[in-house]
Protein backbone atom coordinates (compact mmCIF):
# COMPACT_ATOMS: atom_id res chain seq x y z
CA MET A 1 243.54 100.63 -8.76
CA LEU A 2 242.19 103.40 -10.98
CA LYS A 3 243.35 103.10 -14.58
CA PHE A 4 244.17 106.36 -16.38
CA TYR A 5 244.42 106.26 -20.17
CA TYR A 6 246.48 109.21 -21.32
CA ASN A 7 248.87 110.93 -23.69
CA ALA A 8 250.63 114.30 -23.38
CA ALA A 9 247.84 116.44 -24.92
CA PRO A 10 246.12 119.20 -22.91
CA ASN A 11 243.02 117.24 -21.94
CA PRO A 12 244.76 114.19 -20.42
CA MET A 13 247.17 116.48 -18.59
CA LYS A 14 244.22 118.01 -16.73
CA ILE A 15 243.43 114.61 -15.30
CA ALA A 16 247.05 113.94 -14.44
CA LEU A 17 247.07 117.15 -12.40
CA LEU A 18 243.85 116.32 -10.57
CA LEU A 19 245.00 112.79 -9.75
CA GLU A 20 248.19 114.22 -8.31
CA GLU A 21 246.35 116.95 -6.40
CA LEU A 22 244.04 114.35 -4.86
CA GLU A 23 246.98 111.99 -4.27
CA LEU A 24 244.98 109.13 -5.72
CA PRO A 25 246.86 105.97 -6.63
CA TYR A 26 246.49 105.23 -10.31
CA GLU A 27 247.93 103.14 -13.11
CA PRO A 28 248.89 105.35 -16.09
CA ILE A 29 248.20 103.59 -19.39
CA PRO A 30 249.70 105.39 -22.42
CA VAL A 31 247.70 105.43 -25.64
CA ASP A 32 249.74 106.63 -28.62
CA THR A 33 247.29 108.34 -30.95
CA ARG A 34 249.90 108.83 -33.69
CA LYS A 35 250.21 105.05 -33.83
CA GLY A 36 246.45 104.59 -33.92
CA GLU A 37 246.24 102.91 -30.52
CA GLN A 38 243.03 104.82 -29.76
CA PHE A 39 241.27 102.58 -32.30
CA ALA A 40 242.27 99.31 -30.62
CA LEU A 41 239.22 97.29 -29.60
CA SER A 42 240.46 97.19 -26.02
CA PHE A 43 240.44 100.99 -25.81
CA LEU A 44 237.17 101.40 -27.73
CA ALA A 45 235.59 99.27 -25.01
CA VAL A 46 236.60 102.04 -22.59
CA ASN A 47 235.79 105.02 -24.82
CA PRO A 48 233.79 104.32 -27.99
CA ASN A 49 234.68 107.85 -29.15
CA ALA A 50 238.38 106.88 -29.44
CA LYS A 51 239.53 110.00 -27.58
CA LEU A 52 241.72 110.63 -24.56
CA PRO A 53 241.57 110.77 -21.61
CA ALA A 54 239.50 108.05 -20.01
CA ILE A 55 239.50 106.33 -16.63
CA VAL A 56 238.29 103.04 -15.25
CA ASP A 57 237.64 103.30 -11.53
CA GLY A 58 236.53 99.88 -10.36
CA ASP A 59 233.16 99.32 -12.02
CA VAL A 60 232.94 102.93 -13.19
CA THR A 61 234.17 104.08 -16.59
CA VAL A 62 234.31 107.79 -17.40
CA PHE A 63 235.55 109.53 -20.54
CA ASP A 64 235.81 113.21 -21.55
CA SER A 65 238.24 115.23 -19.49
CA ASN A 66 235.72 117.56 -17.86
CA ALA A 67 233.39 114.71 -16.93
CA ILE A 68 236.37 112.97 -15.31
CA LEU A 69 237.33 116.12 -13.41
CA LEU A 70 233.83 116.46 -12.02
CA TYR A 71 233.51 112.76 -11.20
CA LEU A 72 236.81 112.53 -9.33
CA ALA A 73 236.42 115.82 -7.46
CA ASP A 74 232.86 114.97 -6.40
CA ARG A 75 233.97 111.53 -5.29
CA ALA A 76 236.77 113.01 -3.16
CA GLN A 77 234.69 116.05 -2.13
CA LYS A 78 237.71 118.22 -2.80
CA LEU A 79 238.51 121.06 -5.22
CA VAL A 80 234.84 121.47 -6.07
CA PRO A 81 231.87 123.21 -4.41
CA GLY A 82 229.32 120.74 -3.16
CA PRO A 83 225.63 120.65 -4.19
CA ALA A 84 224.65 122.41 -0.96
CA ASP A 85 226.50 125.56 -2.08
CA ALA A 86 224.26 126.32 -5.04
CA VAL A 87 225.82 129.70 -5.83
CA LYS A 88 229.40 128.43 -6.01
CA ARG A 89 228.30 125.19 -7.66
CA GLY A 90 226.54 127.11 -10.41
CA GLU A 91 229.56 129.34 -10.94
CA MET A 92 231.85 126.32 -11.09
CA LEU A 93 229.68 124.45 -13.59
CA SER A 94 229.35 127.51 -15.81
CA TRP A 95 233.09 128.08 -16.10
CA LEU A 96 233.89 124.38 -16.37
CA MET A 97 231.49 124.06 -19.29
CA PHE A 98 232.80 127.30 -20.82
CA ILE A 99 236.20 125.60 -21.02
CA ALA A 100 234.71 122.29 -22.14
CA THR A 101 232.49 123.58 -24.93
CA GLY A 102 234.16 126.84 -25.94
CA LEU A 103 237.73 127.56 -24.99
CA GLY A 104 239.00 123.99 -25.46
CA PRO A 105 237.39 123.25 -28.84
CA PHE A 106 238.23 126.64 -30.34
CA SER A 107 241.80 126.41 -29.06
CA GLY A 108 242.10 122.95 -30.57
CA GLN A 109 240.82 124.08 -33.94
CA SER A 110 243.15 127.08 -33.85
CA VAL A 111 246.03 124.64 -33.39
CA HIS A 112 244.79 122.44 -36.23
CA PHE A 113 244.33 125.14 -38.84
CA ARG A 114 247.44 127.05 -37.78
CA HIS A 115 249.87 124.14 -37.66
CA VAL A 116 248.43 121.18 -39.56
CA ALA A 117 245.75 121.94 -42.13
CA PRO A 118 246.76 122.24 -45.78
CA GLU A 119 246.24 125.40 -47.79
CA PRO A 120 243.99 127.18 -48.50
CA LYS A 121 243.03 127.76 -44.88
CA LEU A 122 242.68 131.52 -44.44
CA TYR A 123 238.95 131.50 -43.73
CA ALA A 124 239.09 128.62 -41.22
CA LEU A 125 242.20 129.90 -39.45
CA ASN A 126 240.74 133.40 -39.19
CA ARG A 127 237.52 132.04 -37.68
CA TYR A 128 239.13 129.79 -35.11
CA ASP A 129 241.93 132.19 -34.22
CA PHE A 130 239.32 134.92 -33.67
CA GLU A 131 237.17 132.69 -31.47
CA ALA A 132 240.14 131.30 -29.54
CA ASN A 133 241.35 134.82 -28.77
CA ARG A 134 237.83 135.91 -27.84
CA HIS A 135 237.52 133.09 -25.32
CA TRP A 136 240.98 133.71 -23.88
CA ARG A 137 240.21 137.41 -23.49
CA ILE A 138 237.21 136.46 -21.34
CA ILE A 139 239.54 134.32 -19.20
CA GLU A 140 242.09 137.15 -19.04
CA HIS A 141 239.42 139.54 -17.82
CA ARG A 142 238.22 136.99 -15.26
CA LEU A 143 241.72 136.50 -13.84
CA HIS A 144 242.70 140.15 -13.91
CA ASN A 145 241.48 140.89 -10.38
CA GLN A 146 241.36 137.46 -8.80
CA ARG A 147 243.83 134.65 -8.21
CA PHE A 148 241.80 131.73 -9.55
CA MET A 149 238.74 131.24 -11.72
CA LEU A 150 236.41 131.00 -8.69
CA GLY A 151 238.17 133.71 -6.70
CA ASP A 152 240.54 132.65 -3.96
CA ASP A 153 239.55 128.98 -4.15
CA TYR A 154 241.66 126.69 -6.34
CA SER A 155 239.32 124.24 -8.07
CA ILE A 156 238.83 121.85 -10.95
CA VAL A 157 238.04 124.87 -13.14
CA ASP A 158 241.64 125.99 -12.70
CA ILE A 159 242.86 122.47 -13.42
CA ALA A 160 240.80 122.40 -16.63
CA LEU A 161 242.19 125.78 -17.64
CA TRP A 162 245.81 124.84 -16.81
CA GLY A 163 245.75 122.03 -19.38
CA TRP A 164 245.25 124.53 -22.19
CA ALA A 165 247.07 127.54 -20.70
CA ARG A 166 250.34 125.59 -20.87
CA MET A 167 249.96 125.57 -24.66
CA LEU A 168 248.73 129.11 -25.24
CA PRO A 169 251.65 130.44 -27.38
CA TYR A 170 251.28 127.36 -29.62
CA VAL A 171 247.50 127.76 -29.72
CA LEU A 172 247.61 131.41 -30.77
CA GLY A 173 250.87 131.30 -32.70
CA GLY A 174 252.28 134.61 -31.54
CA THR A 175 255.61 135.61 -30.03
CA ASP A 176 253.83 138.22 -27.89
CA THR A 177 251.17 135.93 -26.41
CA TRP A 178 252.10 136.56 -22.79
CA ASP A 179 252.20 140.32 -23.37
CA LYS A 180 248.56 140.08 -24.40
CA TYR A 181 247.57 137.70 -21.63
CA PRO A 182 249.56 138.64 -18.51
CA ALA A 183 246.91 137.46 -16.06
CA VAL A 184 246.78 134.05 -17.74
CA LYS A 185 250.59 133.88 -17.52
CA ARG A 186 250.51 134.75 -13.82
CA PHE A 187 247.85 132.07 -13.30
CA LEU A 188 249.86 129.51 -15.28
CA ASP A 189 253.01 130.17 -13.28
CA THR A 190 251.08 129.87 -10.01
CA VAL A 191 249.52 126.52 -10.87
CA SER A 192 252.63 125.10 -12.57
CA ALA A 193 254.63 125.74 -9.40
CA ARG A 194 252.38 123.45 -7.37
CA PRO A 195 254.08 120.13 -6.50
CA ALA A 196 251.17 118.22 -8.05
CA ALA A 197 251.68 120.05 -11.35
CA VAL A 198 255.37 119.22 -11.35
CA ARG A 199 254.51 115.55 -10.85
CA ALA A 200 251.85 115.70 -13.56
CA GLU A 201 254.28 117.18 -16.07
CA ALA A 202 256.77 114.43 -15.23
CA LEU A 203 254.21 111.85 -16.36
CA LYS A 204 254.96 112.85 -19.97
CA THR A 205 258.50 111.52 -19.61
CA ARG A 206 257.39 108.04 -18.53
CA HIS A 207 256.51 106.97 -22.07
CA ALA A 208 258.09 107.82 -25.42
CA PHE A 209 255.11 108.84 -27.52
CA LYS A 210 255.61 108.98 -31.27
CA ALA A 211 256.79 112.46 -32.23
CA GLU A 212 256.75 112.22 -36.03
CA MET A 213 253.68 113.46 -37.87
CA ASP A 214 254.29 111.17 -40.83
CA ASP A 215 251.68 109.91 -43.29
CA ALA A 216 250.62 107.07 -40.99
CA ALA A 217 250.18 109.45 -38.06
CA LYS A 218 248.12 111.82 -40.20
CA ARG A 219 245.81 108.97 -41.19
CA TYR A 220 245.20 108.14 -37.53
CA MET A 221 244.96 111.74 -36.32
CA PHE A 222 242.93 113.18 -39.19
CA PRO A 223 240.90 110.30 -40.69
CA ALA A 224 238.50 112.72 -42.38
CA ASN A 225 241.26 113.65 -44.81
CA GLU A 226 241.05 110.18 -46.33
CA ARG A 227 237.73 111.19 -47.95
CA ILE A 228 239.41 113.97 -49.93
CA LYS A 229 243.03 112.79 -50.08
CA ASP A 230 243.09 113.07 -53.88
CA GLN A 231 242.24 116.75 -53.55
CA LEU A 232 244.87 117.67 -50.94
C-alpha cells in the first residue's frame, strides 16, 4: 500500500486531496515537524531534504508536493492532460510550476516574516508580502472568468492551488483578504465542497500534531536561527 508522509501544512494537504480524488488506498504516516521527526534517519531515507510531503509507492519514492501530484496523476491518467495533448499539457505544466516555484514559496515566506520572524523585519516582510500579493493577483485574474485554472477542467493545478488558498487570510494577514480576492474565494469554496476535499481535511484530525511553537519547536522549524541565536 502507498505510504503517505504528511502533516497539516498546505503542501501535504494537496496530496491528501489528490489521493482522495483518485480514491487510492494509502497509509497516512504523520511526521511532526515541531518535534523534529523530519530529521529521523528513517524519514531522511525517504526524503533527504527533511521536508513534507513524501510518498513511497512500492519501489518508487517521490518527494516534493508538485512532483507527487504529477506522478500520481500521470500514473492514474486522471486530473491531468496527457502527453498527446501538447497544448493543454504545456498549460498545465506552466501553472503547476508557477505555484511550485512562485506562489507557494512567496506565500510561505510571507507567513514566516509576518507571523514568526523577529524584529526588525520590515524590509523582508514588505518584499515577500508584495510578491505574495502579486502572485495571488495573477491567480485572481486567471480565475475571474473561468471556473478552474485550466478552464472547465478540474486538474492537479487546482489541487495544488487549493492547498495554499485555504490559508490565504493567514498568508496575507488581512481582514479583507476575500474582498480583494473574490474569484479565489469562489474557487476555494467550490473545491472545498468536493467530497474528496472534505475527506482530506478530516485527515488532520487523525493525529494530534504539536501545536506549541516553543523553543524546541523553533529549533526544529528554523534551524538557521541557531547560527545567530545570540543576536536575536
